[in-house]
N, C-alpha and C. Protein backbone atom coordinates (compact mmCIF):
# COMPACT_ATOMS: atom_id res chain seq x y z
N MET A 1 -165.55 -152.84 -130.34
CA MET A 1 -164.71 -153.56 -131.31
C MET A 1 -164.90 -155.18 -131.16
N GLY A 2 -164.58 -155.86 -132.17
CA GLY A 2 -164.76 -157.23 -131.87
C GLY A 2 -163.48 -157.86 -131.38
N LEU A 3 -163.57 -159.36 -131.09
CA LEU A 3 -162.48 -160.14 -130.38
C LEU A 3 -161.43 -160.25 -131.55
N GLU A 4 -161.70 -160.07 -132.70
CA GLU A 4 -160.71 -160.15 -133.72
C GLU A 4 -159.70 -158.81 -133.81
N PHE A 5 -160.14 -157.98 -133.24
CA PHE A 5 -158.98 -156.72 -133.09
C PHE A 5 -157.77 -157.18 -132.25
N TYR A 6 -158.58 -157.59 -131.02
CA TYR A 6 -157.58 -158.09 -129.96
C TYR A 6 -156.68 -159.33 -130.13
N SER A 7 -156.75 -160.06 -131.31
CA SER A 7 -156.19 -161.48 -131.56
C SER A 7 -154.34 -161.18 -131.50
N ILE A 8 -154.00 -161.82 -130.75
CA ILE A 8 -152.44 -161.67 -130.80
C ILE A 8 -151.99 -161.91 -132.03
N TYR A 9 -152.42 -163.02 -132.80
CA TYR A 9 -152.19 -163.54 -133.86
C TYR A 9 -152.15 -162.50 -135.00
N ASN A 10 -153.17 -161.62 -134.84
CA ASN A 10 -153.36 -160.56 -136.09
C ASN A 10 -152.33 -159.41 -135.68
N TRP A 11 -152.11 -159.05 -134.32
CA TRP A 11 -150.96 -158.07 -134.42
C TRP A 11 -149.70 -158.73 -134.74
N VAL A 12 -149.29 -160.00 -134.09
CA VAL A 12 -148.08 -160.53 -134.60
C VAL A 12 -147.89 -160.54 -136.13
N LYS A 13 -149.05 -160.44 -136.99
CA LYS A 13 -148.83 -160.67 -138.45
C LYS A 13 -148.86 -159.32 -138.95
N VAL A 14 -149.41 -158.27 -138.40
CA VAL A 14 -149.26 -156.72 -138.76
C VAL A 14 -147.53 -156.83 -138.47
N LEU A 15 -147.27 -157.09 -137.36
CA LEU A 15 -145.67 -156.67 -136.97
C LEU A 15 -144.90 -157.57 -138.12
N HIS A 16 -145.15 -158.70 -138.29
CA HIS A 16 -144.64 -159.49 -139.35
C HIS A 16 -144.39 -158.98 -140.83
N ILE A 17 -145.31 -158.45 -141.06
CA ILE A 17 -145.50 -157.62 -142.49
C ILE A 17 -144.67 -156.49 -142.13
N SER A 18 -144.68 -155.82 -141.24
CA SER A 18 -143.72 -154.51 -141.19
C SER A 18 -142.32 -154.80 -141.09
N PHE A 19 -142.04 -155.91 -140.33
CA PHE A 19 -140.59 -156.36 -140.58
C PHE A 19 -140.05 -156.76 -141.60
N VAL A 20 -141.18 -157.42 -142.46
CA VAL A 20 -140.51 -157.73 -143.74
C VAL A 20 -140.47 -156.80 -144.74
N VAL A 21 -141.32 -155.74 -144.71
CA VAL A 21 -141.16 -154.36 -145.30
C VAL A 21 -139.79 -154.03 -145.05
N ALA A 22 -139.36 -153.58 -144.08
CA ALA A 22 -138.03 -153.15 -143.46
C ALA A 22 -136.93 -154.01 -144.15
N TRP A 23 -136.94 -155.14 -144.00
CA TRP A 23 -135.78 -156.11 -144.38
C TRP A 23 -135.78 -155.98 -145.68
N MET A 24 -137.02 -156.21 -146.55
CA MET A 24 -136.96 -156.21 -148.18
C MET A 24 -136.35 -154.99 -148.42
N ALA A 25 -136.56 -153.56 -147.68
CA ALA A 25 -136.07 -152.35 -148.16
C ALA A 25 -134.43 -152.40 -148.10
N GLY A 26 -134.11 -152.75 -146.86
CA GLY A 26 -132.57 -153.03 -146.90
C GLY A 26 -131.79 -154.05 -147.60
N LEU A 27 -132.55 -155.13 -147.91
CA LEU A 27 -132.10 -156.24 -149.02
C LEU A 27 -132.24 -155.76 -150.45
N LEU A 28 -132.90 -154.48 -150.72
CA LEU A 28 -132.82 -154.20 -152.22
C LEU A 28 -132.01 -153.04 -152.07
N TYR A 29 -132.00 -151.89 -150.97
CA TYR A 29 -131.01 -150.67 -151.52
C TYR A 29 -129.46 -151.26 -150.68
N LEU A 30 -129.24 -152.06 -150.05
CA LEU A 30 -127.79 -152.27 -149.54
C LEU A 30 -127.02 -152.51 -150.83
N PRO A 31 -127.48 -153.45 -151.95
CA PRO A 31 -126.59 -153.78 -152.90
C PRO A 31 -126.39 -152.52 -154.12
N ARG A 32 -127.62 -151.58 -153.93
CA ARG A 32 -127.36 -150.40 -154.57
C ARG A 32 -126.35 -149.50 -154.14
N LEU A 33 -126.35 -149.33 -152.71
CA LEU A 33 -125.31 -148.69 -151.88
C LEU A 33 -123.96 -149.13 -152.69
N PHE A 34 -123.84 -150.56 -152.59
CA PHE A 34 -122.54 -151.22 -153.11
C PHE A 34 -122.12 -150.94 -154.41
N VAL A 35 -123.20 -150.46 -155.55
CA VAL A 35 -122.83 -150.15 -156.72
C VAL A 35 -122.02 -148.82 -156.52
N TYR A 36 -122.73 -147.79 -155.79
CA TYR A 36 -122.20 -146.52 -155.70
C TYR A 36 -120.74 -146.58 -155.22
N HIS A 37 -120.68 -147.04 -153.90
CA HIS A 37 -119.56 -147.25 -153.05
C HIS A 37 -118.38 -147.66 -154.39
N LYS A 38 -118.55 -148.72 -154.84
CA LYS A 38 -117.56 -149.41 -155.96
C LYS A 38 -117.37 -148.25 -157.03
N GLU A 39 -118.20 -147.89 -157.09
CA GLU A 39 -117.91 -146.78 -158.37
C GLU A 39 -117.18 -145.42 -157.94
N ASN A 40 -117.30 -145.19 -156.75
CA ASN A 40 -116.71 -144.07 -155.94
C ASN A 40 -115.41 -144.58 -154.75
N GLU A 41 -114.95 -145.67 -154.70
CA GLU A 41 -114.07 -146.08 -153.89
C GLU A 41 -112.75 -145.49 -153.93
N LYS A 42 -112.65 -144.89 -154.85
CA LYS A 42 -111.08 -143.96 -155.08
C LYS A 42 -111.34 -142.89 -154.20
N GLU A 43 -112.52 -142.25 -154.07
CA GLU A 43 -112.73 -140.82 -153.58
C GLU A 43 -113.06 -141.37 -152.19
N ILE A 44 -112.01 -140.86 -151.23
CA ILE A 44 -112.09 -141.49 -149.69
C ILE A 44 -113.20 -140.65 -149.05
N LYS A 45 -113.47 -139.45 -149.15
CA LYS A 45 -114.76 -138.85 -148.22
C LYS A 45 -115.97 -139.37 -148.74
N ILE A 46 -116.08 -139.66 -149.91
CA ILE A 46 -117.40 -140.46 -150.42
C ILE A 46 -117.62 -142.01 -150.17
N ALA A 47 -116.32 -142.56 -150.03
CA ALA A 47 -116.38 -143.91 -149.84
C ALA A 47 -116.39 -144.18 -148.14
N THR A 48 -116.13 -143.28 -147.50
CA THR A 48 -116.40 -143.26 -146.12
C THR A 48 -117.82 -143.05 -145.60
N VAL A 49 -118.31 -141.74 -146.48
CA VAL A 49 -119.67 -141.90 -146.34
C VAL A 49 -120.46 -143.16 -146.51
N PHE A 50 -120.24 -143.83 -147.86
CA PHE A 50 -120.91 -144.84 -148.02
C PHE A 50 -120.90 -146.05 -146.87
N LYS A 51 -119.47 -146.35 -146.41
CA LYS A 51 -119.28 -146.99 -145.28
C LYS A 51 -120.10 -147.02 -144.14
N VAL A 52 -120.41 -145.76 -143.73
CA VAL A 52 -121.34 -145.59 -142.61
C VAL A 52 -122.64 -145.99 -142.77
N MET A 53 -123.08 -145.38 -143.73
CA MET A 53 -124.57 -145.95 -144.66
C MET A 53 -124.84 -147.20 -144.59
N GLU A 54 -123.88 -148.15 -145.17
CA GLU A 54 -124.18 -149.51 -145.43
C GLU A 54 -124.01 -150.22 -143.92
N ARG A 55 -123.07 -149.73 -143.17
CA ARG A 55 -122.92 -150.34 -142.02
C ARG A 55 -124.43 -149.90 -140.99
N ARG A 56 -124.67 -148.94 -140.90
CA ARG A 56 -125.89 -148.61 -140.39
C ARG A 56 -127.06 -149.38 -140.83
N LEU A 57 -127.06 -149.40 -142.06
CA LEU A 57 -128.36 -149.94 -142.69
C LEU A 57 -128.53 -151.27 -142.39
N TYR A 58 -127.05 -152.05 -142.40
CA TYR A 58 -127.16 -153.51 -142.15
C TYR A 58 -127.37 -153.76 -140.68
N PHE A 59 -126.66 -153.13 -139.73
CA PHE A 59 -126.59 -153.62 -138.54
C PHE A 59 -127.82 -152.80 -137.56
N TYR A 60 -128.11 -151.83 -137.89
CA TYR A 60 -129.38 -151.27 -137.39
C TYR A 60 -130.77 -151.44 -137.70
N ILE A 61 -131.06 -151.73 -139.05
CA ILE A 61 -132.09 -152.02 -139.58
C ILE A 61 -132.27 -153.58 -140.21
N MET A 62 -131.52 -153.94 -140.85
CA MET A 62 -131.72 -155.26 -141.65
C MET A 62 -131.52 -156.22 -140.65
N ASN A 63 -130.27 -156.20 -139.70
CA ASN A 63 -130.25 -157.30 -138.88
C ASN A 63 -131.66 -157.51 -137.83
N PRO A 64 -131.60 -156.46 -137.09
CA PRO A 64 -132.92 -156.62 -136.28
C PRO A 64 -134.43 -156.81 -137.03
N ALA A 65 -134.49 -156.42 -138.36
CA ALA A 65 -135.49 -157.00 -139.02
C ALA A 65 -135.63 -158.12 -139.27
N MET A 66 -134.74 -158.66 -139.75
CA MET A 66 -134.72 -160.16 -140.16
C MET A 66 -134.94 -161.10 -138.78
N VAL A 67 -134.20 -160.65 -137.76
CA VAL A 67 -134.60 -161.37 -136.46
C VAL A 67 -135.91 -161.55 -136.12
N LEU A 68 -136.84 -160.29 -136.45
CA LEU A 68 -138.09 -159.93 -136.28
C LEU A 68 -138.78 -160.64 -136.95
N VAL A 69 -138.50 -160.70 -138.24
CA VAL A 69 -139.19 -161.51 -139.32
C VAL A 69 -139.35 -163.14 -138.82
N TRP A 70 -138.00 -163.44 -138.65
CA TRP A 70 -138.01 -164.95 -138.43
C TRP A 70 -138.68 -165.40 -137.07
N SER A 71 -138.80 -164.59 -136.07
CA SER A 71 -139.27 -165.02 -134.72
C SER A 71 -141.07 -164.85 -135.15
N SER A 72 -141.57 -163.52 -135.52
CA SER A 72 -142.89 -163.47 -135.65
C SER A 72 -143.47 -164.76 -136.84
N GLY A 73 -142.64 -164.88 -137.96
CA GLY A 73 -142.98 -165.92 -138.90
C GLY A 73 -143.03 -166.99 -138.22
N LEU A 74 -141.95 -167.41 -137.63
CA LEU A 74 -142.38 -168.79 -136.85
C LEU A 74 -143.58 -169.01 -135.94
N TYR A 75 -143.68 -167.93 -135.22
CA TYR A 75 -144.71 -167.90 -134.22
C TYR A 75 -145.90 -168.20 -135.21
N LEU A 76 -146.17 -167.41 -136.35
CA LEU A 76 -147.35 -167.50 -137.14
C LEU A 76 -147.43 -168.88 -137.78
N GLY A 77 -146.58 -169.63 -138.07
CA GLY A 77 -146.35 -170.90 -138.57
C GLY A 77 -146.85 -171.88 -137.58
N TYR A 78 -146.50 -171.48 -136.60
CA TYR A 78 -146.78 -172.61 -135.04
C TYR A 78 -148.23 -172.59 -134.98
N VAL A 79 -148.98 -171.07 -135.18
CA VAL A 79 -150.42 -171.03 -135.11
C VAL A 79 -151.14 -171.42 -136.24
N LEU A 80 -150.75 -171.38 -137.46
CA LEU A 80 -151.36 -171.86 -138.79
C LEU A 80 -151.19 -173.44 -138.52
N GLY A 81 -149.99 -173.77 -138.49
CA GLY A 81 -149.58 -175.12 -139.00
C GLY A 81 -148.59 -175.14 -140.21
N PHE A 82 -147.53 -175.91 -140.05
CA PHE A 82 -146.57 -175.78 -141.19
C PHE A 82 -147.21 -176.75 -142.30
N ASP A 83 -148.19 -176.41 -143.24
CA ASP A 83 -148.28 -176.72 -144.27
C ASP A 83 -147.22 -177.06 -145.12
N LEU A 84 -147.29 -177.69 -146.31
CA LEU A 84 -146.31 -177.71 -147.48
C LEU A 84 -145.90 -176.30 -148.03
N TRP A 85 -147.01 -175.58 -148.31
CA TRP A 85 -146.62 -173.99 -148.85
C TRP A 85 -145.95 -173.60 -148.05
N LEU A 86 -146.15 -173.60 -146.61
CA LEU A 86 -145.41 -172.75 -145.80
C LEU A 86 -144.02 -173.16 -145.57
N ILE A 87 -144.02 -174.57 -145.64
CA ILE A 87 -142.43 -175.17 -145.48
C ILE A 87 -141.86 -174.64 -146.63
N ILE A 88 -142.25 -174.66 -147.73
CA ILE A 88 -141.52 -174.10 -148.74
C ILE A 88 -141.19 -172.65 -148.78
N LYS A 89 -142.40 -172.01 -148.45
CA LYS A 89 -141.87 -170.42 -148.09
C LYS A 89 -140.91 -170.23 -147.18
N ILE A 90 -140.72 -170.94 -146.00
CA ILE A 90 -139.56 -170.67 -145.10
C ILE A 90 -138.41 -171.10 -145.81
N SER A 91 -138.34 -172.16 -146.69
CA SER A 91 -137.09 -172.34 -147.43
C SER A 91 -136.54 -171.26 -148.32
N PHE A 92 -137.55 -170.47 -148.97
CA PHE A 92 -137.01 -169.37 -149.69
C PHE A 92 -136.78 -168.23 -148.89
N VAL A 93 -137.37 -167.94 -147.62
CA VAL A 93 -136.78 -167.02 -146.43
C VAL A 93 -135.45 -167.35 -146.25
N PHE A 94 -135.32 -168.83 -146.03
CA PHE A 94 -133.74 -169.35 -145.49
C PHE A 94 -132.85 -168.68 -146.40
N VAL A 95 -133.02 -168.85 -148.00
CA VAL A 95 -132.14 -168.28 -149.16
C VAL A 95 -132.18 -166.98 -148.97
N LEU A 96 -133.02 -165.93 -148.63
CA LEU A 96 -133.14 -164.60 -148.09
C LEU A 96 -131.86 -164.31 -147.32
N THR A 97 -131.96 -165.05 -146.44
CA THR A 97 -131.27 -164.92 -145.07
C THR A 97 -129.58 -165.41 -145.47
N VAL A 98 -129.76 -166.26 -146.29
CA VAL A 98 -128.18 -166.58 -146.86
C VAL A 98 -127.61 -165.43 -147.60
N TYR A 99 -128.58 -164.94 -148.48
CA TYR A 99 -128.50 -163.68 -149.37
C TYR A 99 -127.89 -162.70 -148.29
N HIS A 100 -128.51 -162.38 -147.11
CA HIS A 100 -128.41 -161.24 -146.12
C HIS A 100 -127.06 -161.68 -145.59
N THR A 101 -126.95 -162.70 -145.38
CA THR A 101 -125.33 -163.00 -144.89
C THR A 101 -124.30 -162.93 -145.55
N LEU A 102 -124.42 -163.02 -147.02
CA LEU A 102 -123.42 -162.55 -148.23
C LEU A 102 -123.43 -161.06 -148.42
N LEU A 103 -124.50 -160.33 -148.10
CA LEU A 103 -124.32 -158.83 -148.21
C LEU A 103 -123.47 -158.57 -146.91
N GLY A 104 -123.48 -159.06 -145.76
CA GLY A 104 -122.78 -158.76 -144.62
C GLY A 104 -121.18 -158.95 -144.88
N LEU A 105 -120.92 -160.03 -145.55
CA LEU A 105 -119.66 -160.44 -146.37
C LEU A 105 -119.05 -159.13 -147.19
N HIS A 106 -119.95 -158.91 -147.84
CA HIS A 106 -119.46 -157.77 -148.88
C HIS A 106 -119.24 -156.64 -147.96
N LEU A 107 -119.99 -156.37 -147.43
CA LEU A 107 -120.03 -155.19 -146.51
C LEU A 107 -118.53 -155.26 -145.67
N GLN A 108 -118.13 -156.27 -145.24
CA GLN A 108 -117.11 -156.37 -144.47
C GLN A 108 -115.75 -156.06 -145.70
N GLU A 109 -115.92 -156.99 -146.60
CA GLU A 109 -114.90 -156.55 -147.68
C GLU A 109 -114.58 -155.13 -148.05
N PHE A 110 -115.84 -154.07 -147.88
CA PHE A 110 -115.84 -152.93 -148.29
C PHE A 110 -114.94 -152.37 -147.07
N LYS A 111 -115.32 -152.57 -145.74
CA LYS A 111 -114.87 -152.22 -144.72
C LYS A 111 -113.19 -152.24 -144.69
N ASN A 112 -112.98 -153.25 -145.14
CA ASN A 112 -111.33 -153.74 -145.15
C ASN A 112 -110.92 -153.54 -146.49
N GLN A 113 -111.49 -152.68 -147.32
CA GLN A 113 -110.79 -152.18 -148.57
C GLN A 113 -110.38 -153.36 -149.21
N ASN A 114 -111.08 -154.30 -149.51
CA ASN A 114 -110.60 -155.49 -150.04
C ASN A 114 -111.94 -156.35 -151.01
N GLN A 115 -112.78 -155.36 -151.44
CA GLN A 115 -113.80 -155.63 -152.56
C GLN A 115 -113.22 -155.87 -153.88
N LYS A 116 -113.60 -157.31 -154.27
CA LYS A 116 -112.98 -157.26 -155.64
C LYS A 116 -114.02 -157.28 -156.83
N LYS A 117 -115.41 -157.36 -156.12
CA LYS A 117 -116.37 -157.51 -157.04
C LYS A 117 -116.72 -156.07 -157.53
N SER A 118 -117.12 -156.28 -159.07
CA SER A 118 -117.65 -155.03 -159.73
C SER A 118 -118.74 -154.57 -159.55
N SER A 119 -119.26 -153.35 -159.84
CA SER A 119 -120.23 -152.59 -159.64
C SER A 119 -121.54 -153.24 -160.57
N LYS A 120 -121.07 -153.93 -161.41
CA LYS A 120 -121.97 -154.79 -162.44
C LYS A 120 -122.55 -155.80 -161.49
N TYR A 121 -121.66 -156.71 -160.81
CA TYR A 121 -121.91 -157.70 -160.03
C TYR A 121 -123.22 -157.19 -158.89
N PHE A 122 -123.16 -156.31 -158.41
CA PHE A 122 -123.95 -155.72 -157.53
C PHE A 122 -124.95 -155.38 -157.88
N ARG A 123 -125.01 -154.83 -159.39
CA ARG A 123 -126.46 -154.67 -159.97
C ARG A 123 -127.25 -155.60 -160.42
N ILE A 124 -126.39 -156.78 -160.70
CA ILE A 124 -127.06 -158.25 -160.74
C ILE A 124 -127.58 -158.80 -159.76
N ILE A 125 -126.80 -158.77 -158.70
CA ILE A 125 -127.44 -159.75 -157.20
C ILE A 125 -128.53 -158.57 -156.97
N ASN A 126 -128.44 -157.49 -157.02
CA ASN A 126 -129.55 -156.49 -156.48
C ASN A 126 -130.95 -157.15 -156.98
N GLU A 127 -131.04 -157.83 -157.92
CA GLU A 127 -132.47 -158.59 -158.21
C GLU A 127 -132.84 -159.68 -157.67
N VAL A 128 -132.13 -160.35 -156.93
CA VAL A 128 -132.13 -161.70 -156.30
C VAL A 128 -133.28 -161.45 -155.11
N PRO A 129 -133.51 -160.37 -154.15
CA PRO A 129 -134.13 -160.34 -153.38
C PRO A 129 -135.64 -160.11 -154.00
N PHE A 130 -135.77 -159.59 -155.00
CA PHE A 130 -137.22 -159.19 -155.59
C PHE A 130 -137.61 -160.59 -156.22
N LEU A 131 -137.05 -161.19 -156.75
CA LEU A 131 -137.29 -162.39 -157.42
C LEU A 131 -137.89 -163.60 -156.25
N LEU A 132 -137.03 -163.64 -155.06
CA LEU A 132 -137.42 -164.23 -154.04
C LEU A 132 -138.53 -163.91 -153.19
N LEU A 133 -138.71 -162.17 -153.03
CA LEU A 133 -139.92 -162.07 -152.66
C LEU A 133 -141.44 -162.33 -153.53
N PHE A 134 -141.09 -162.07 -154.91
CA PHE A 134 -142.05 -162.78 -155.80
C PHE A 134 -142.50 -163.92 -155.50
N ILE A 135 -141.68 -164.87 -155.47
CA ILE A 135 -142.11 -166.24 -155.08
C ILE A 135 -142.64 -166.66 -153.75
N ILE A 136 -142.13 -165.86 -152.74
CA ILE A 136 -142.86 -165.97 -151.43
C ILE A 136 -144.16 -165.38 -151.58
N LEU A 137 -144.23 -164.41 -152.15
CA LEU A 137 -145.86 -163.67 -152.40
C LEU A 137 -146.67 -164.70 -152.88
N ILE A 138 -146.23 -165.30 -154.00
CA ILE A 138 -147.08 -166.29 -154.84
C ILE A 138 -147.44 -167.51 -153.77
N LEU A 139 -146.30 -167.78 -153.05
CA LEU A 139 -146.86 -169.02 -152.15
C LEU A 139 -147.85 -168.60 -150.96
N VAL A 140 -147.81 -167.56 -150.70
CA VAL A 140 -148.42 -166.80 -149.43
C VAL A 140 -150.11 -166.57 -149.77
N ILE A 141 -150.10 -166.15 -151.10
CA ILE A 141 -151.43 -165.78 -151.62
C ILE A 141 -152.24 -166.84 -152.08
N MET A 142 -151.65 -167.53 -152.92
CA MET A 142 -152.13 -168.68 -153.60
C MET A 142 -152.14 -169.88 -152.81
N LYS A 143 -151.42 -170.14 -151.59
CA LYS A 143 -151.36 -171.00 -150.98
C LYS A 143 -151.42 -172.63 -151.89
N PRO A 144 -150.43 -172.60 -152.58
CA PRO A 144 -150.68 -173.81 -153.52
C PRO A 144 -150.32 -175.17 -152.48
N PHE A 145 -150.41 -176.53 -152.78
CA PHE A 145 -150.14 -177.48 -152.09
C PHE A 145 -151.08 -177.45 -150.84
N TYR A 146 -152.02 -176.76 -150.54
CA TYR A 146 -152.70 -176.61 -149.51
C TYR A 146 -153.73 -177.60 -149.11
């Protein structure tokens, strides 16, 4: 095997992409759970199950994945150099992080049975992470401003 196989940079890139996939899965799935939760909030047993699912997804998958995306991504940026395309990409990842935090606030409102947003609202915001991911992928693959 060549030296490329043993490159720390490549292994961090593999881990970074894996954590991005996990984080994005959560960012796309949690609002969908919120839709079903909102539509069934009067059914105590069902709402309780959703609360458990949402909490576990957010705290055990999404939060660690986000931290690992940021830490591995910043390492990769340090190694590559922070060109303009990468700085713009990081700004979109920051927006994803704000979105992640917003989902956490909605999670807290569901926990406290104080969620005022409609299921339609959650259906609409469910599109946000995909649009941001699409922009991020264009920046990563095309590297404009390089």
